Protein backbone atom coordinates (compact mmCIF):
# COMPACT_ATOMS: atom_id res chain seq x y z
CA MET A 1 -13.37 12.42 -21.48
CA VAL A 2 -11.61 9.74 -19.41
CA ASP A 3 -12.12 6.19 -20.65
CA ALA A 4 -13.13 4.38 -17.43
CA SER A 5 -12.39 0.94 -18.85
CA ARG A 6 -8.82 1.95 -19.66
CA GLU A 7 -8.41 3.38 -16.17
CA ASP A 8 -9.69 0.11 -14.72
CA GLU A 9 -7.34 -1.93 -16.87
CA ARG A 10 -4.42 0.23 -15.77
CA ASP A 11 -5.43 -0.36 -12.16
CA TYR A 12 -5.48 -4.09 -12.76
CA ARG A 13 -2.07 -4.16 -14.44
CA ALA A 14 -0.59 -1.94 -11.74
CA GLY A 15 -2.00 -4.14 -9.00
CA CYS A 16 -0.55 -7.26 -10.60
CA ALA A 17 2.81 -5.54 -11.05
CA ALA A 18 2.84 -4.61 -7.36
CA HIS A 19 2.55 -8.32 -6.55
CA GLY A 20 5.32 -9.65 -8.76
CA GLY A 21 3.17 -9.64 -11.88
CA SER A 22 0.81 -12.21 -10.39
CA ALA A 23 -2.95 -11.75 -10.07
CA ARG A 24 -3.00 -14.78 -7.81
CA ALA A 25 -0.45 -13.26 -5.42
CA TRP A 26 -2.52 -10.08 -5.31
CA PHE A 27 -5.65 -12.08 -4.57
CA GLU A 28 -3.98 -14.11 -1.82
CA ALA A 29 -2.67 -10.95 -0.13
CA ALA A 30 -6.14 -9.35 -0.20
CA ALA A 31 -7.83 -12.52 1.06
CA ALA A 32 -5.23 -12.96 3.82
CA ALA A 33 -5.95 -9.44 5.09
CA VAL A 34 -9.63 -10.34 5.41
CA VAL A 35 -8.83 -13.61 7.19
CA ALA A 36 -6.46 -11.89 9.63
CA ARG A 37 -9.15 -9.36 10.56
CA MET A 38 -11.79 -12.04 11.02
CA LEU A 39 -9.53 -14.08 13.30
CA GLN A 40 -8.79 -11.00 15.35
CA GLN A 41 -12.50 -10.25 15.68
CA ASP A 42 -13.42 -13.73 16.88
CA GLY A 43 -11.38 -13.25 20.04
CA GLY A 44 -9.38 -16.46 19.72
CA ALA A 45 -5.65 -17.00 19.99
CA ALA A 46 -3.36 -15.29 17.50
CA VAL A 47 -2.73 -17.21 14.28
CA SER A 48 0.54 -16.89 12.41
CA PRO A 49 0.66 -15.29 8.94
CA ASP A 50 1.98 -18.60 7.58
CA VAL A 51 -1.16 -20.42 8.73
CA ILE A 52 -3.36 -17.72 7.25
CA ARG A 53 -1.50 -17.95 3.94
CA SER A 54 -1.91 -21.72 3.88
CA GLY A 55 -5.61 -21.21 4.49
CA VAL A 56 -6.13 -18.94 1.49
CA ARG A 57 -3.65 -20.54 -0.91
CA GLY A 58 -6.14 -23.05 -2.29
CA LEU A 59 -8.96 -20.55 -2.82
CA TRP A 60 -7.69 -19.56 -6.26
CA GLU A 61 -7.58 -23.19 -7.43
CA ALA A 62 -11.03 -23.84 -5.98
CA ALA A 63 -12.48 -20.84 -7.82
CA GLU A 64 -10.76 -21.97 -11.03
CA ALA A 65 -12.25 -25.45 -10.67
CA ILE A 66 -15.76 -24.12 -10.01
CA GLY A 67 -15.45 -21.36 -12.59
CA TRP A 68 -14.96 -17.63 -12.12
CA PRO A 69 -18.15 -15.70 -12.89
CA PRO A 70 -18.11 -13.72 -16.16
CA PRO A 71 -18.46 -9.94 -16.04
CA LEU A 72 -21.73 -8.27 -16.87
CA PRO A 73 -21.70 -6.39 -20.18
CA ALA A 74 -21.29 -2.64 -19.69
CA GLY A 75 -24.60 -0.93 -19.03
CA SER A 76 -26.53 -4.12 -18.30
CA THR A 77 -28.48 -4.84 -15.12
CA ARG A 78 -29.21 -8.04 -13.25
CA ARG A 79 -31.07 -8.93 -10.10
CA ALA A 80 -29.27 -10.93 -7.45
CA GLY A 81 -29.58 -14.69 -7.59
CA GLU A 82 -28.69 -17.31 -5.03
CA THR A 83 -26.00 -19.95 -5.48
CA PRO A 84 -26.48 -22.99 -3.21
CA GLY A 85 -23.67 -22.86 -0.68
CA ALA A 86 -23.85 -26.61 -0.07
CA ALA A 87 -22.59 -27.24 -3.60
CA LEU A 88 -19.36 -25.46 -2.71
CA GLU A 89 -18.74 -27.29 0.57
CA PRO A 90 -16.44 -30.05 -0.80
CA ARG A 91 -14.17 -27.36 -2.26
CA VAL A 92 -14.25 -25.43 1.02
CA LEU A 93 -13.14 -28.51 2.95
CA THR A 94 -10.35 -29.16 0.46
CA VAL A 95 -9.03 -25.62 0.86
CA ALA A 96 -9.23 -25.78 4.66
CA ALA A 97 -7.40 -29.11 4.69
CA GLY A 98 -4.18 -27.17 4.06
CA VAL A 99 -4.32 -25.98 7.68
CA VAL A 100 -2.77 -28.69 9.84
CA ASN A 101 -3.86 -27.57 13.31
CA GLU A 102 -7.44 -28.72 13.94
CA ALA A 103 -8.45 -25.78 16.15
CA GLU A 104 -7.08 -23.25 13.67
CA ARG A 105 -8.77 -25.07 10.81
CA ALA A 106 -12.11 -24.89 12.63
CA ARG A 107 -11.74 -21.12 13.01
CA LEU A 108 -10.71 -20.66 9.39
CA LEU A 109 -13.48 -22.78 7.87
CA PRO A 110 -16.34 -20.23 8.08
CA VAL A 111 -14.07 -17.51 6.69
CA ILE A 112 -12.88 -19.66 3.79
CA ARG A 113 -16.48 -20.63 3.09
CA GLN A 114 -17.48 -16.98 2.75
CA LEU A 115 -14.41 -16.10 0.70
CA LEU A 116 -15.09 -18.83 -1.84
CA LYS A 117 -18.67 -17.63 -2.22
CA ALA A 118 -17.36 -14.09 -2.80
CA CYS A 119 -15.14 -15.47 -5.57
CA VAL A 120 -17.71 -17.48 -7.51
CA TYR A 121 -21.11 -15.90 -6.95
CA PRO A 122 -22.33 -14.24 -10.17
CA GLU A 123 -22.19 -10.49 -10.59
CA PHE A 124 -25.36 -8.42 -10.28
CA THR A 125 -26.33 -4.75 -10.08
CA GLU A 126 -29.53 -4.52 -8.01
CA CYS A 127 -28.83 -4.60 -4.28
CA ARG A 128 -30.79 -7.09 -2.14
CA ASP A 129 -31.03 -4.47 0.64
CA SER A 130 -30.22 -7.15 3.22
CA TYR A 131 -28.16 -4.61 5.16
CA ARG A 132 -31.39 -2.85 6.18
CA ALA A 133 -34.06 -5.56 5.93
CA ALA A 134 -36.10 -5.72 9.14
CA GLY A 135 -37.42 -8.95 10.60
CA SER A 136 -40.71 -9.57 12.38
CA GLU A 137 -39.45 -7.85 15.53
CA GLY A 138 -38.50 -4.72 13.63
CA ARG A 139 -34.78 -5.39 13.89
CA CYS A 140 -32.25 -6.05 11.14
CA SER A 141 -29.90 -8.94 11.87
CA ARG A 142 -27.17 -7.45 9.67
CA GLN A 143 -27.20 -4.36 11.92
CA GLN A 144 -26.32 -6.41 15.01
CA PRO A 145 -22.58 -6.23 15.87
CA ALA A 146 -22.19 -9.97 16.52
CA VAL A 147 -23.80 -10.87 13.18
CA ALA A 148 -21.79 -8.34 11.18
CA ALA A 149 -18.54 -9.35 12.91
CA ALA A 150 -19.01 -12.95 11.74
CA ARG A 151 -19.30 -11.82 8.12
CA ILE A 152 -16.29 -11.00 5.93
CA SER A 153 -18.24 -8.11 4.36
CA GLY A 154 -19.94 -6.84 7.50
CA SER A 155 -23.56 -5.73 7.00
CA PRO A 156 -23.58 -5.84 3.16
CA CYS A 157 -23.70 -9.08 1.19
CA ILE A 158 -20.41 -10.65 0.13
CA ASP A 159 -21.31 -9.98 -3.50
CA CYS A 160 -22.74 -6.51 -2.92
CA PRO A 161 -22.28 -4.39 -6.08
CA TYR A 162 -21.84 -1.22 -4.02
CA PHE A 163 -18.32 -2.28 -3.03
CA VAL A 164 -17.40 -1.53 -6.64
CA THR A 165 -19.96 0.98 -7.88
CA ARG A 166 -19.78 3.33 -4.88
CA THR A 167 -16.90 4.92 -3.06
CA GLU A 168 -16.30 4.01 0.57
CA PRO A 169 -17.85 7.31 1.85
CA GLU A 170 -20.86 6.80 -0.42
CA HIS A 171 -21.32 3.22 0.76
CA GLU A 172 -20.98 4.28 4.38
CA ALA A 173 -23.58 7.03 3.89
CA LEU A 174 -25.95 4.45 2.38
CA LEU A 175 -25.64 2.18 5.41
CA ARG A 176 -26.07 5.04 7.84
CA GLU A 177 -29.20 6.27 6.06
CA GLY A 178 -30.69 2.77 6.13
CA TRP A 179 -29.99 2.18 9.80
CA ILE A 180 -33.07 1.14 11.75
CA GLY A 181 -33.55 3.54 14.64
CA GLY A 182 -32.21 6.52 12.75
CA PRO A 183 -29.29 7.53 10.54
CA GLY A 184 -26.05 6.18 11.97
CA GLU A 185 -27.63 4.84 15.15
CA GLY A 186 -25.42 1.89 16.10
CA PHE A 187 -23.30 2.06 12.94
CA ASP A 188 -21.09 4.80 14.35
CA ARG A 189 -20.13 2.64 17.33
CA SER A 190 -18.44 0.00 15.15
CA PRO A 191 -18.09 1.24 11.55
CA SER A 192 -15.18 -1.10 10.81
CA VAL A 193 -17.33 -4.08 11.82
CA PHE A 194 -20.36 -3.09 9.77
CA LEU A 195 -18.34 -1.98 6.72
CA PRO A 196 -14.81 -3.46 6.92
CA LYS A 197 -12.21 -1.56 4.93
CA ASP A 198 -10.20 -4.64 3.91
CA PHE A 199 -13.07 -6.28 2.03
CA ARG A 200 -13.47 -3.49 -0.54
CA PRO A 201 -10.01 -4.07 -2.13
CA LEU A 202 -10.78 -7.79 -2.46
CA ARG A 203 -14.15 -7.10 -4.07
CA ARG A 204 -12.50 -4.58 -6.41
CA PHE A 205 -9.83 -7.13 -7.35
CA LEU A 206 -12.45 -9.75 -8.22
CA TRP A 207 -14.32 -7.23 -10.36
CA LEU A 208 -11.13 -6.25 -12.21
CA ARG A 209 -9.97 -9.86 -12.64
CA SER A 210 -13.23 -10.82 -14.31
CA ARG A 211 -12.67 -8.14 -16.92
CA PHE A 212 -8.95 -8.11 -17.56
CA GLY A 213 -7.78 -11.67 -17.08
CA SER A 214 -5.58 -13.43 -14.56
CA ALA A 215 -2.09 -12.29 -15.50
């Protein structure tokens, strides 16, 4: 029988090795990919990779200062809790201050805000089901393209456990089955908006880092 924890640790060590032995470098590369996609989706002017890197560079220090969330013990369950976003805002502004251009900083702020939440929100196992929750009009806001496009994780929550516990095809099938109006209705028009591929590696990194250190 394969020891999953050993496989996970090997993945973590290999990922660090691929980034010069640095977990932080790996994290910054994954976060930069998310930022680049978000800036492309917002329809604004192109932003250089150097500006994007400067925008994510301070995220690691901010998460260290706030405190990385500990991993859940194997086999345990936990319902999702809420961490007040306002408490993180001073750290968000400090991170964004590394971007000199005011217009670029304004575009990066909401992305950095979401990324920091993804870093420090506590781990849980029971999905909130926000990706399919209908409002009073029978519509789900997370299933609207404009709403999903403004979110680094698309329709799911930024701390959604399914990014780690399910494969990409399994997660996609879950979203399609929960789509209001019928399986896949709307989702198939913009799958990369509703379930962005670049966020899963970042979520996986954060899950691995919590278990195997920050080499």
